């Protein structure tokens, strides 16, 4: 997912890809961790995490049974 994606864009994408009705989207901007290779330090890239809630008792089959 793009770091610049908005909640509305995420909801529309999930609705079209998985054919469900989205009721709520929560987003979290995650900072990249520092990683070292010997004496050289760098950072992993920042990324965005989205938690999507679907309406009713519908589920997304791709993730069904994982939790």
Protein backbone atom coordinates (compact mmCIF):
# COMPACT_ATOMS: atom_id res chain seq x y z
CA UNK A 1 0.00 0.00 0.00
CA UNK A 2 1.22 3.48 -0.78
CA UNK A 3 2.14 5.72 2.15
CA UNK A 4 0.06 8.50 0.60
CA UNK A 5 -3.15 6.43 0.33
CA UNK A 6 -6.11 7.90 2.21
CA UNK A 7 -8.74 5.99 4.17
CA UNK A 8 -11.31 6.59 1.42
CA UNK A 9 -8.95 5.24 -1.25
CA UNK A 10 -8.17 2.17 0.86
CA UNK A 11 -11.88 1.49 1.46
CA UNK A 12 -12.70 1.75 -2.27
CA UNK A 13 -9.82 -0.56 -3.18
CA UNK A 14 -10.88 -3.23 -0.66
CA UNK A 15 -14.52 -3.01 -1.76
CA UNK A 16 -13.64 -3.53 -5.43
CA UNK A 17 -11.01 -6.23 -4.86
CA UNK A 18 -12.87 -8.39 -2.35
CA UNK A 19 -16.53 -7.52 -3.11
CA UNK A 20 -17.42 -6.52 0.48
CA UNK A 21 -18.86 -3.38 2.08
CA UNK A 22 -16.31 -1.56 4.26
CA UNK A 23 -17.63 0.07 7.42
CA UNK A 24 -14.42 1.43 8.96
CA UNK A 25 -10.75 1.93 8.11
CA UNK A 26 -8.03 2.64 10.67
CA UNK A 27 -4.53 3.52 9.48
CA UNK A 28 -1.18 3.49 11.21
CA UNK A 29 2.01 5.06 9.87
CA UNK A 30 4.89 2.80 10.88
CA UNK A 31 8.44 4.14 11.07
CA UNK A 32 11.17 1.99 9.55
CA UNK A 33 13.56 0.30 11.96
CA UNK A 34 17.25 1.06 12.09
CA UNK A 35 19.36 -1.75 10.66
CA UNK A 36 23.11 -2.11 10.88
CA UNK A 37 25.65 -3.89 8.69
CA UNK A 38 28.80 -3.79 10.76
CA UNK A 39 29.62 -0.18 11.44
CA UNK A 40 27.25 1.15 8.76
CA UNK A 41 23.72 2.07 9.81
CA UNK A 42 20.64 2.54 7.68
CA UNK A 43 16.87 2.48 7.98
CA UNK A 44 14.21 0.22 6.56
CA UNK A 45 11.53 2.16 4.68
CA UNK A 46 8.51 3.69 6.45
CA UNK A 47 5.18 2.01 5.62
CA UNK A 48 1.47 2.33 6.28
CA UNK A 49 -0.70 -0.34 7.89
CA UNK A 50 -4.48 -0.42 7.42
CA UNK A 51 -7.03 -2.24 9.59
CA UNK A 52 -10.27 -2.64 7.63
CA UNK A 53 -13.60 -3.56 9.24
CA UNK A 54 -16.27 -4.99 6.94
CA UNK A 55 -20.02 -4.69 7.52
CA UNK A 56 -22.17 -7.47 8.91
CA UNK A 57 -20.89 -11.01 9.27
CA UNK A 58 -18.97 -10.92 5.98
CA UNK A 59 -15.31 -11.87 5.90
CA UNK A 60 -12.52 -11.70 3.38
CA UNK A 61 -11.76 -15.32 2.49
CA UNK A 62 -8.09 -14.60 1.86
CA UNK A 63 -7.61 -13.86 5.58
CA UNK A 64 -10.35 -16.13 6.94
CA UNK A 65 -9.04 -18.68 9.42
CA UNK A 66 -5.70 -16.97 10.03
CA UNK A 67 -6.66 -15.65 13.46
